[in-house]
Amino acid sequence: MGLLDNGLKGNVVTGLAIGIGASILAPVVIPLAAAIVKPLLKATIKGGILLYEKGQEAVAEAGEVIEDLAAEAKAELAQAPTETGSVVSDTARPEA
């Protein structure tokens, strides 16, 4: 039993020492860590916002291009409906 008591004492003393050391160092370490992490986190958030805005612009431009292409295609179809029909009929009859 004496061996068991010594083992428990060592663990308790070690645990208490770590706890006391952490409580003494915490007021110093936490503000230092916050001072280092805060600018990094802020820069990361700014970068994310900029990427989001650039993505929105790219999607809007792509949408405009697609709308323009669709409008051009509709205009071409409206201008020459007979030309489209003649092209289809020529290609529909394969010669033997």
PDB file of N, CA and C in Angstrom:
ATOM      1  N   MET A   1       0.808  -1.196   0.000  1.00  0.00           N
ATOM      2  CA  MET A   1       0.000   0.000   0.000  1.00  0.00           C
ATOM      3  C   MET A   1       0.847   1.255   0.000  1.00  0.00           C
ATOM      4  N   GLY A   2       2.043   1.181   0.589  1.00  0.00           N
ATOM      5  CA  GLY A   2       2.913   2.345   0.636  1.00  0.00           C
ATOM      6  C   GLY A   2       3.324   2.776  -0.758  1.00  0.00           C
ATOM      7  N   LEU A   3       3.527   1.791  -1.659  1.00  0.00           N
ATOM      8  CA  LEU A   3       3.901   2.103  -3.035  1.00  0.00           C
ATOM      9  C   LEU A   3       2.753   2.811  -3.755  1.00  0.00           C
ATOM     10  N   LEU A   4       1.538   2.367  -3.492  1.00  0.00           N
ATOM     11  CA  LEU A   4       0.372   2.982  -4.106  1.00  0.00           C
ATOM     12  C   LEU A   4       0.181   4.408  -3.617  1.00  0.00           C
ATOM     13  N   ASP A   5       0.405   4.657  -2.332  1.00  0.00           N
ATOM     14  CA  ASP A   5       0.269   6.006  -1.786  1.00  0.00           C
ATOM     15  C   ASP A   5       1.297   6.957  -2.395  1.00  0.00           C
ATOM     16  N   ASN A   6       2.522   6.495  -2.564  1.00  0.00           N
ATOM     17  CA  ASN A   6       3.553   7.348  -3.162  1.00  0.00           C
ATOM     18  C   ASN A   6       3.220   7.690  -4.617  1.00  0.00           C
ATOM     19  N   GLY A   7       2.688   6.731  -5.339  1.00  0.00           N
ATOM     20  CA  GLY A   7       2.321   6.973  -6.732  1.00  0.00           C
ATOM     21  C   GLY A   7       1.210   7.995  -6.844  1.00  0.00           C
ATOM     22  N   LEU A   8       0.216   7.912  -5.979  1.00  0.00           N
ATOM     23  CA  LEU A   8      -0.880   8.870  -6.010  1.00  0.00           C
ATOM     24  C   LEU A   8      -0.421  10.258  -5.593  1.00  0.00           C
ATOM     25  N   LYS A   9       0.476  10.325  -4.611  1.00  0.00           N
ATOM     26  CA  LYS A   9       0.974  11.628  -4.176  1.00  0.00           C
ATOM     27  C   LYS A   9       1.706  12.329  -5.311  1.00  0.00           C
ATOM     28  N   GLY A  10       2.509  11.597  -6.026  1.00  0.00           N
ATOM     29  CA  GLY A  10       3.255  12.188  -7.136  1.00  0.00           C
ATOM     30  C   GLY A  10       2.325  12.742  -8.203  1.00  0.00           C
ATOM     31  N   ASN A  11       1.280  12.022  -8.529  1.00  0.00           N
ATOM     32  CA  ASN A  11       0.328  12.475  -9.537  1.00  0.00           C
ATOM     33  C   ASN A  11      -0.445  13.693  -9.068  1.00  0.00           C
ATOM     34  N   VAL A  12      -0.826  13.710  -7.799  1.00  0.00           N
ATOM     35  CA  VAL A  12      -1.577  14.841  -7.265  1.00  0.00           C
ATOM     36  C   VAL A  12      -0.690  16.078  -7.221  1.00  0.00           C
ATOM     37  N   VAL A  13       0.540  15.893  -6.759  1.00  0.00           N
ATOM     38  CA  VAL A  13       1.463  17.026  -6.673  1.00  0.00           C
ATOM     39  C   VAL A  13       1.773  17.556  -8.071  1.00  0.00           C
ATOM     40  N   THR A  14       1.992  16.657  -8.999  1.00  0.00           N
ATOM     41  CA  THR A  14       2.265  17.081 -10.376  1.00  0.00           C
ATOM     42  C   THR A  14       1.065  17.818 -10.965  1.00  0.00           C
ATOM     43  N   GLY A  15      -0.114  17.291 -10.736  1.00  0.00           N
ATOM     44  CA  GLY A  15      -1.331  17.940 -11.226  1.00  0.00           C
ATOM     45  C   GLY A  15      -1.531  19.311 -10.622  1.00  0.00           C
ATOM     46  N   LEU A  16      -1.286  19.418  -9.316  1.00  0.00           N
ATOM     47  CA  LEU A  16      -1.411  20.723  -8.661  1.00  0.00           C
ATOM     48  C   LEU A  16      -0.384  21.710  -9.205  1.00  0.00           C
ATOM     49  N   ALA A  17       0.828  21.247  -9.422  1.00  0.00           N
ATOM     50  CA  ALA A  17       1.875  22.128  -9.947  1.00  0.00           C
ATOM     51  C   ALA A  17       1.517  22.631 -11.346  1.00  0.00           C
ATOM     52  N   ILE A  18       1.007  21.743 -12.172  1.00  0.00           N
ATOM     53  CA  ILE A  18       0.603  22.148 -13.521  1.00  0.00           C
ATOM     54  C   ILE A  18      -0.557  23.137 -13.458  1.00  0.00           C
ATOM     55  N   GLY A  19      -1.534  22.870 -12.605  1.00  0.00           N
ATOM     56  CA  GLY A  19      -2.682  23.765 -12.458  1.00  0.00           C
ATOM     57  C   GLY A  19      -2.284  25.144 -11.964  1.00  0.00           C
ATOM     58  N   ILE A  20      -1.409  25.188 -10.967  1.00  0.00           N
ATOM     59  CA  ILE A  20      -0.959  26.480 -10.434  1.00  0.00           C
ATOM     60  C   ILE A  20      -0.144  27.231 -11.488  1.00  0.00           C
ATOM     61  N   GLY A  21       0.727  26.522 -12.178  1.00  0.00           N
ATOM     62  CA  GLY A  21       1.529  27.157 -13.230  1.00  0.00           C
ATOM     63  C   GLY A  21       0.662  27.709 -14.352  1.00  0.00           C
ATOM     64  N   ALA A  22      -0.347  26.945 -14.728  1.00  0.00           N
ATOM     65  CA  ALA A  22      -1.244  27.401 -15.786  1.00  0.00           C
ATOM     66  C   ALA A  22      -2.041  28.620 -15.348  1.00  0.00           C
ATOM     67  N   SER A  23      -2.490  28.624 -14.095  1.00  0.00           N
ATOM     68  CA  SER A  23      -3.262  29.774 -13.615  1.00  0.00           C
ATOM     69  C   SER A  23      -2.394  31.022 -13.488  1.00  0.00           C
ATOM     70  N   ILE A  24      -1.106  30.843 -13.257  1.00  0.00           N
ATOM     71  CA  ILE A  24      -0.201  31.995 -13.184  1.00  0.00           C
ATOM     72  C   ILE A  24       0.148  32.493 -14.591  1.00  0.00           C
ATOM     73  N   LEU A  25       0.375  31.578 -15.514  1.00  0.00           N
ATOM     74  CA  LEU A  25       0.785  31.959 -16.863  1.00  0.00           C
ATOM     75  C   LEU A  25      -0.382  32.367 -17.770  1.00  0.00           C
ATOM     76  N   ALA A  26      -1.581  31.928 -17.469  1.00  0.00           N
ATOM     77  CA  ALA A  26      -2.729  32.197 -18.335  1.00  0.00           C
ATOM     78  C   ALA A  26      -2.957  33.686 -18.576  1.00  0.00           C
ATOM     79  N   PRO A  27      -2.913  34.537 -17.551  1.00  0.00           N
ATOM     80  CA  PRO A  27      -3.139  35.964 -17.817  1.00  0.00           C
ATOM     81  C   PRO A  27      -2.081  36.590 -18.728  1.00  0.00           C
ATOM     82  N   VAL A  28      -0.923  35.982 -18.832  1.00  0.00           N
ATOM     83  CA  VAL A  28       0.133  36.505 -19.703  1.00  0.00           C
ATOM     84  C   VAL A  28       0.045  35.881 -21.095  1.00  0.00           C
ATOM     85  N   VAL A  29      -0.185  34.577 -21.138  1.00  0.00           N
ATOM     86  CA  VAL A  29      -0.149  33.846 -22.407  1.00  0.00           C
ATOM     87  C   VAL A  29      -1.384  34.135 -23.264  1.00  0.00           C
ATOM     88  N   ILE A  30      -2.551  34.191 -22.661  1.00  0.00           N
ATOM     89  CA  ILE A  30      -3.787  34.373 -23.430  1.00  0.00           C
ATOM     90  C   ILE A  30      -3.799  35.709 -24.177  1.00  0.00           C
ATOM     91  N   PRO A  31      -3.473  36.836 -23.552  1.00  0.00           N
ATOM     92  CA  PRO A  31      -3.445  38.085 -24.329  1.00  0.00           C
ATOM     93  C   PRO A  31      -2.393  38.085 -25.445  1.00  0.00           C
ATOM     94  N   LEU A  32      -1.247  37.454 -25.199  1.00  0.00           N
ATOM     95  CA  LEU A  32      -0.231  37.368 -26.250  1.00  0.00           C
ATOM     96  C   LEU A  32      -0.735  36.535 -27.425  1.00  0.00           C
ATOM     97  N   ALA A  33      -1.365  35.418 -27.120  1.00  0.00           N
ATOM     98  CA  ALA A  33      -1.907  34.565 -28.179  1.00  0.00           C
ATOM     99  C   ALA A  33      -3.011  35.300 -28.937  1.00  0.00           C
ATOM    100  N   ALA A  34      -3.852  36.029 -28.212  1.00  0.00           N
ATOM    101  CA  ALA A  34      -4.926  36.783 -28.860  1.00  0.00           C
ATOM    102  C   ALA A  34      -4.349  37.880 -29.748  1.00  0.00           C
ATOM    103  N   ALA A  35      -3.280  38.522 -29.303  1.00  0.00           N
ATOM    104  CA  ALA A  35      -2.656  39.579 -30.101  1.00  0.00           C
ATOM    105  C   ALA A  35      -2.064  39.027 -31.388  1.00  0.00           C
ATOM    106  N   ILE A  36      -1.621  37.787 -31.370  1.00  0.00           N
ATOM    107  CA  ILE A  36      -1.048  37.168 -32.569  1.00  0.00           C
ATOM    108  C   ILE A  36      -2.152  36.621 -33.477  1.00  0.00           C
ATOM    109  N   VAL A  37      -3.145  35.988 -32.893  1.00  0.00           N
ATOM    110  CA  VAL A  37      -4.179  35.306 -33.672  1.00  0.00           C
ATOM    111  C   VAL A  37      -5.181  36.292 -34.276  1.00  0.00           C
ATOM    112  N   LYS A  38      -5.505  37.369 -33.584  1.00  0.00           N
ATOM    113  CA  LYS A  38      -6.538  38.297 -34.051  1.00  0.00           C
ATOM    114  C   LYS A  38      -6.214  38.898 -35.421  1.00  0.00           C
ATOM    115  N   PRO A  39      -5.014  39.434 -35.662  1.00  0.00           N
ATOM    116  CA  PRO A  39      -4.734  39.970 -37.002  1.00  0.00           C
ATOM    117  C   PRO A  39      -4.767  38.902 -38.095  1.00  0.00           C
ATOM    118  N   LEU A  40      -4.304  37.700 -37.767  1.00  0.00           N
ATOM    119  CA  LEU A  40      -4.352  36.623 -38.753  1.00  0.00           C
ATOM    120  C   LEU A  40      -5.789  36.256 -39.099  1.00  0.00           C
ATOM    121  N   LEU A  41      -6.620  36.179 -38.088  1.00  0.00           N
ATOM    122  CA  LEU A  41      -8.024  35.852 -38.309  1.00  0.00           C
ATOM    123  C   LEU A  41      -8.721  36.957 -39.099  1.00  0.00           C
ATOM    124  N   LYS A  42      -8.415  38.198 -38.774  1.00  0.00           N
ATOM    125  CA  LYS A  42      -9.021  39.323 -39.481  1.00  0.00           C
ATOM    126  C   LYS A  42      -8.603  39.325 -40.949  1.00  0.00           C
ATOM    127  N   ALA A  43      -7.336  39.057 -41.223  1.00  0.00           N
ATOM    128  CA  ALA A  43      -6.853  39.001 -42.605  1.00  0.00           C
ATOM    129  C   ALA A  43      -7.521  37.863 -43.371  1.00  0.00           C
ATOM    130  N   THR A  44      -7.729  36.744 -42.708  1.00  0.00           N
ATOM    131  CA  THR A  44      -8.401  35.615 -43.346  1.00  0.00           C
ATOM    132  C   THR A  44      -9.841  35.970 -43.699  1.00  0.00           C
ATOM    133  N   ILE A  45     -10.519  36.645 -42.797  1.00  0.00           N
ATOM    134  CA  ILE A  45     -11.906  37.047 -43.050  1.00  0.00           C
ATOM    135  C   ILE A  45     -11.966  38.054 -44.200  1.00  0.00           C
ATOM    136  N   LYS A  46     -11.049  39.019 -44.216  1.00  0.00           N
ATOM    137  CA  LYS A  46     -11.010  39.999 -45.307  1.00  0.00           C
ATOM    138  C   LYS A  46     -10.788  39.306 -46.649  1.00  0.00           C
ATOM    139  N   GLY A  47      -9.872  38.357 -46.671  1.00  0.00           N
ATOM    140  CA  GLY A  47      -9.616  37.617 -47.901  1.00  0.00           C
ATOM    141  C   GLY A  47     -10.840  36.851 -48.373  1.00  0.00           C
ATOM    142  N   GLY A  48     -11.552  36.255 -47.434  1.00  0.00           N
ATOM    143  CA  GLY A  48     -12.773  35.535 -47.788  1.00  0.00           C
ATOM    144  C   GLY A  48     -13.836  36.453 -48.361  1.00  0.00           C
ATOM    145  N   ILE A  49     -13.971  37.636 -47.781  1.00  0.00           N
ATOM    146  CA  ILE A  49     -14.951  38.606 -48.280  1.00  0.00           C
ATOM    147  C   ILE A  49     -14.580  39.047 -49.694  1.00  0.00           C
ATOM    148  N   LEU A  50     -13.297  39.332 -49.920  1.00  0.00           N
ATOM    149  CA  LEU A  50     -12.859  39.747 -51.257  1.00  0.00           C
ATOM    150  C   LEU A  50     -13.088  38.646 -52.289  1.00  0.00           C
ATOM    151  N   LEU A  51     -12.783  37.401 -51.926  1.00  0.00           N
ATOM    152  CA  LEU A  51     -13.019  36.290 -52.850  1.00  0.00           C
ATOM    153  C   LEU A  51     -14.502  36.129 -53.167  1.00  0.00           C
ATOM    154  N   TYR A  52     -15.351  36.312 -52.160  1.00  0.00           N
ATOM    155  CA  TYR A  52     -16.792  36.208 -52.357  1.00  0.00           C
ATOM    156  C   TYR A  52     -17.277  37.280 -53.336  1.00  0.00           C
ATOM    157  N   GLU A  53     -16.788  38.517 -53.149  1.00  0.00           N
ATOM    158  CA  GLU A  53     -17.203  39.602 -54.034  1.00  0.00           C
ATOM    159  C   GLU A  53     -16.716  39.375 -55.463  1.00  0.00           C
ATOM    160  N   LYS A  54     -15.480  38.902 -55.614  1.00  0.00           N
ATOM    161  CA  LYS A  54     -14.960  38.603 -56.956  1.00  0.00           C
ATOM    162  C   LYS A  54     -15.776  37.487 -57.607  1.00  0.00           C
ATOM    163  N   GLY A  55     -16.164  36.504 -56.814  1.00  0.00           N
ATOM    164  CA  GLY A  55     -16.984  35.418 -57.335  1.00  0.00           C
ATOM    165  C   GLY A  55     -18.338  35.906 -57.805  1.00  0.00           C
ATOM    166  N   GLN A  56     -18.936  36.817 -57.043  1.00  0.00           N
ATOM    167  CA  GLN A  56     -20.223  37.387 -57.444  1.00  0.00           C
ATOM    168  C   GLN A  56     -20.093  38.126 -58.774  1.00  0.00           C
ATOM    169  N   GLU A  57     -19.018  38.903 -58.924  1.00  0.00           N
ATOM    170  CA  GLU A  57     -18.796  39.633 -60.170  1.00  0.00           C
ATOM    171  C   GLU A  57     -18.629  38.671 -61.342  1.00  0.00           C
ATOM    172  N   ALA A  58     -17.872  37.615 -61.141  1.00  0.00           N
ATOM    173  CA  ALA A  58     -17.633  36.649 -62.214  1.00  0.00           C
ATOM    174  C   ALA A  58     -18.927  35.958 -62.630  1.00  0.00           C
ATOM    175  N   VAL A  59     -19.748  35.593 -61.662  1.00  0.00           N
ATOM    176  CA  VAL A  59     -21.021  34.932 -61.975  1.00  0.00           C
ATOM    177  C   VAL A  59     -21.947  35.897 -62.703  1.00  0.00           C
ATOM    178  N   ALA A  60     -21.970  37.165 -62.280  1.00  0.00           N
ATOM    179  CA  ALA A  60     -22.818  38.152 -62.944  1.00  0.00           C
ATOM    180  C   ALA A  60     -22.372  38.363 -64.392  1.00  0.00           C
ATOM    181  N   GLU A  61     -21.067  38.452 -64.618  1.00  0.00           N
ATOM    182  CA  GLU A  61     -20.557  38.624 -65.981  1.00  0.00           C
ATOM    183  C   GLU A  61     -20.881  37.410 -66.846  1.00  0.00           C
ATOM    184  N   ALA A  62     -20.737  36.225 -66.293  1.00  0.00           N
ATOM    185  CA  ALA A  62     -21.059  35.012 -67.049  1.00  0.00           C
ATOM    186  C   ALA A  62     -22.544  34.985 -67.397  1.00  0.00           C
ATOM    187  N   GLY A  63     -23.387  35.408 -66.471  1.00  0.00           N
ATOM    188  CA  GLY A  63     -24.822  35.466 -66.739  1.00  0.00           C
ATOM    189  C   GLY A  63     -25.146  36.440 -67.860  1.00  0.00           C
ATOM    190  N   GLU A  64     -24.465  37.586 -67.873  1.00  0.00           N
ATOM    191  CA  GLU A  64     -24.686  38.562 -68.939  1.00  0.00           C
ATOM    192  C   GLU A  64     -24.265  38.009 -70.296  1.00  0.00           C
ATOM    193  N   VAL A  65     -23.146  37.313 -70.327  1.00  0.00           N
ATOM    194  CA  VAL A  65     -22.676  36.730 -71.587  1.00  0.00           C
ATOM    195  C   VAL A  65     -23.682  35.705 -72.100  1.00  0.00           C
ATOM    196  N   ILE A  66     -24.193  34.875 -71.213  1.00  0.00           N
ATOM    197  CA  ILE A  66     -25.167  33.857 -71.620  1.00  0.00           C
ATOM    198  C   ILE A  66     -26.454  34.509 -72.111  1.00  0.00           C
ATOM    199  N   GLU A  67     -26.901  35.561 -71.413  1.00  0.00           N
ATOM    200  CA  GLU A  67     -28.108  36.267 -71.858  1.00  0.00           C
ATOM    201  C   GLU A  67     -27.895  36.889 -73.236  1.00  0.00           C
ATOM    202  N   ASP A  68     -26.723  37.483 -73.460  1.00  0.00           N
ATOM    203  CA  ASP A  68     -26.422  38.079 -74.764  1.00  0.00           C
ATOM    204  C   ASP A  68     -26.419  37.019 -75.864  1.00  0.00           C
ATOM    205  N   LEU A  69     -25.800  35.880 -75.589  1.00  0.00           N
ATOM    206  CA  LEU A  69     -25.771  34.808 -76.584  1.00  0.00           C
ATOM    207  C   LEU A  69     -27.172  34.292 -76.893  1.00  0.00           C
ATOM    208  N   ALA A  70     -27.990  34.150 -75.864  1.00  0.00           N
ATOM    209  CA  ALA A  70     -29.362  33.679 -76.073  1.00  0.00           C
ATOM    210  C   ALA A  70     -30.157  34.698 -76.887  1.00  0.00           C
ATOM    211  N   ALA A  71     -29.974  35.980 -76.602  1.00  0.00           N
ATOM    212  CA  ALA A  71     -30.685  37.015 -77.354  1.00  0.00           C
ATOM    213  C   ALA A  71     -30.234  37.026 -78.813  1.00  0.00           C
ATOM    214  N   GLU A  72     -28.936  36.871 -79.056  1.00  0.00           N
ATOM    215  CA  GLU A  72     -28.435  36.820 -80.430  1.00  0.00           C
ATOM    216  C   GLU A  72     -28.997  35.611 -81.171  1.00  0.00           C
ATOM    217  N   ALA A  73     -29.042  34.477 -80.507  1.00  0.00           N
ATOM    218  CA  ALA A  73     -29.573  33.266 -81.144  1.00  0.00           C
ATOM    219  C   ALA A  73     -31.050  33.433 -81.478  1.00  0.00           C
ATOM    220  N   LYS A  74     -31.827  34.020 -80.574  1.00  0.00           N
ATOM    221  CA  LYS A  74     -33.250  34.257 -80.839  1.00  0.00           C
ATOM    222  C   LYS A  74     -33.435  35.231 -81.990  1.00  0.00           C
ATOM    223  N   ALA A  75     -32.597  36.272 -82.035  1.00  0.00           N
ATOM    224  CA  ALA A  75     -32.698  37.245 -83.121  1.00  0.00           C
ATOM    225  C   ALA A  75     -32.378  36.598 -84.460  1.00  0.00           C
ATOM    226  N   GLU A  76     -31.366  35.746 -84.500  1.00  0.00           N
ATOM    227  CA  GLU A  76     -31.022  35.054 -85.740  1.00  0.00           C
ATOM    228  C   GLU A  76     -32.134  34.111 -86.176  1.00  0.00           C
ATOM    229  N   LEU A  77     -32.758  33.438 -85.220  1.00  0.00           N
ATOM    230  CA  LEU A  77     -33.871  32.546 -85.555  1.00  0.00           C
ATOM    231  C   LEU A  77     -35.067  33.332 -86.072  1.00  0.00           C
ATOM    232  N   ALA A  78     -35.314  34.500 -85.519  1.00  0.00           N
ATOM    233  CA  ALA A  78     -36.452  35.310 -85.939  1.00  0.00           C
ATOM    234  C   ALA A  78     -36.220  35.909 -87.325  1.00  0.00           C
ATOM    235  N   GLN A  79     -34.989  36.202 -87.695  1.00  0.00           N
ATOM    236  CA  GLN A  79     -34.687  36.831 -88.984  1.00  0.00           C
ATOM    237  C   GLN A  79     -34.814  35.859 -90.149  1.00  0.00           C
ATOM    238  N   ALA A  80     -34.391  34.649 -89.999  1.00  0.00           N
ATOM    239  CA  ALA A  80     -34.357  33.734 -91.138  1.00  0.00           C
ATOM    240  C   ALA A  80     -34.964  32.382 -90.798  1.00  0.00           C
ATOM    241  N   PRO A  81     -36.286  32.319 -90.638  1.00  0.00           N
ATOM    242  CA  PRO A  81     -36.881  31.010 -90.339  1.00  0.00           C
ATOM    243  C   PRO A  81     -36.856  30.071 -91.548  1.00  0.00           C
ATOM    244  N   THR A  82     -36.924  30.599 -92.782  1.00  0.00           N
ATOM    245  CA  THR A  82     -36.918  29.727 -93.957  1.00  0.00           C
ATOM    246  C   THR A  82     -35.530  29.169 -94.230  1.00  0.00           C
ATOM    247  N   GLU A  83     -34.507  29.939 -93.928  1.00  0.00           N
ATOM    248  CA  GLU A  83     -33.151  29.435 -94.134  1.00  0.00           C
ATOM    249  C   GLU A  83     -32.891  28.230 -93.241  1.00  0.00           C
ATOM    250  N   THR A  84     -33.367  28.288 -92.023  1.00  0.00           N
ATOM    251  CA  THR A  84     -33.173  27.180 -91.103  1.00  0.00           C
ATOM    252  C   THR A  84     -33.908  25.945 -91.607  1.00  0.00           C
ATOM    253  N   GLY A  85     -35.124  26.150 -92.138  1.00  0.00           N
ATOM    254  CA  GLY A  85     -35.892  25.029 -92.654  1.00  0.00           C
ATOM    255  C   GLY A  85     -35.230  24.390 -93.860  1.00  0.00           C
ATOM    256  N   SER A  86     -34.679  25.199 -94.766  1.00  0.00           N
ATOM    257  CA  SER A  86     -34.048  24.638 -95.952  1.00  0.00           C
ATOM    258  C   SER A  86     -32.777  23.876 -95.606  1.00  0.00           C
ATOM    259  N   VAL A  87     -32.073  24.336 -94.616  1.00  0.00           N
ATOM    260  CA  VAL A  87     -30.863  23.634 -94.196  1.00  0.00           C
ATOM    261  C   VAL A  87     -31.231  22.283 -93.618  1.00  0.00           C
ATOM    262  N   VAL A  88     -32.291  22.240 -92.841  1.00  0.00           N
ATOM    263  CA  VAL A  88     -32.713  20.988 -92.232  1.00  0.00           C
ATOM    264  C   VAL A  88     -33.175  20.015 -93.308  1.00  0.00           C
ATOM    265  N   SER A  89     -33.948  20.514 -94.300  1.00  0.00           N
ATOM    266  CA  SER A  89     -34.457  19.604 -95.317  1.00  0.00           C
ATOM    267  C   SER A  89     -33.333  19.077 -96.209  1.00  0.00           C
ATOM    268  N   ASP A  90     -32.307  19.881 -96.474  1.00  0.00           N
ATOM    269  CA  ASP A  90     -31.191  19.408 -97.287  1.00  0.00           C
ATOM    270  C   ASP A  90     -30.400  18.321 -96.568  1.00  0.00           C
ATOM    271  N   THR A  91     -30.208  18.492 -95.311  1.00  0.00           N
ATOM    272  CA  THR A  91     -29.426  17.508 -94.573  1.00  0.00           C
ATOM    273  C   THR A  91     -30.256  16.301 -94.192  1.00  0.00           C
ATOM    274  N   ALA A  92     -31.573  16.422 -94.231  1.00  0.00           N
ATOM    275  CA  ALA A  92     -32.421  15.314 -93.822  1.00  0.00           C
ATOM    276  C   ALA A  92     -32.488  14.232 -94.903  1.00  0.00           C
ATOM    277  N   ARG A  93     -32.246  14.590 -96.192  1.00  0.00           N
ATOM    278  CA  ARG A  93     -32.325  13.622 -97.283  1.00  0.00           C
ATOM    279  C   ARG A  93     -30.929  13.171 -97.705  1.00  0.00           C
ATOM    280  N   PRO A  94     -30.511  12.039 -97.210  1.00  0.00           N
ATOM    281  CA  PRO A  94     -29.204  11.547 -97.672  1.00  0.00           C
ATOM    282  C   PRO A  94     -29.331  10.973 -99.079  1.00  0.00           C
ATOM    283  N   GLU A  95     -28.342  11.239 -99.899  1.00  0.00           N
ATOM    284  CA  GLU A  95     -28.367  10.714-101.262  1.00  0.00           C
ATOM    285  C   GLU A  95     -27.774   9.316-101.284  1.00  0.00           C
ATOM    286  N   ALA A  96     -28.393   8.446-102.071  1.00  0.00           N
ATOM    287  CA  ALA A  96     -27.953   7.055-102.104  1.00  0.00           C
ATOM    288  C   ALA A  96     -26.964   6.778-103.184  1.00  0.00           C
TER     289      ALA A  96
END
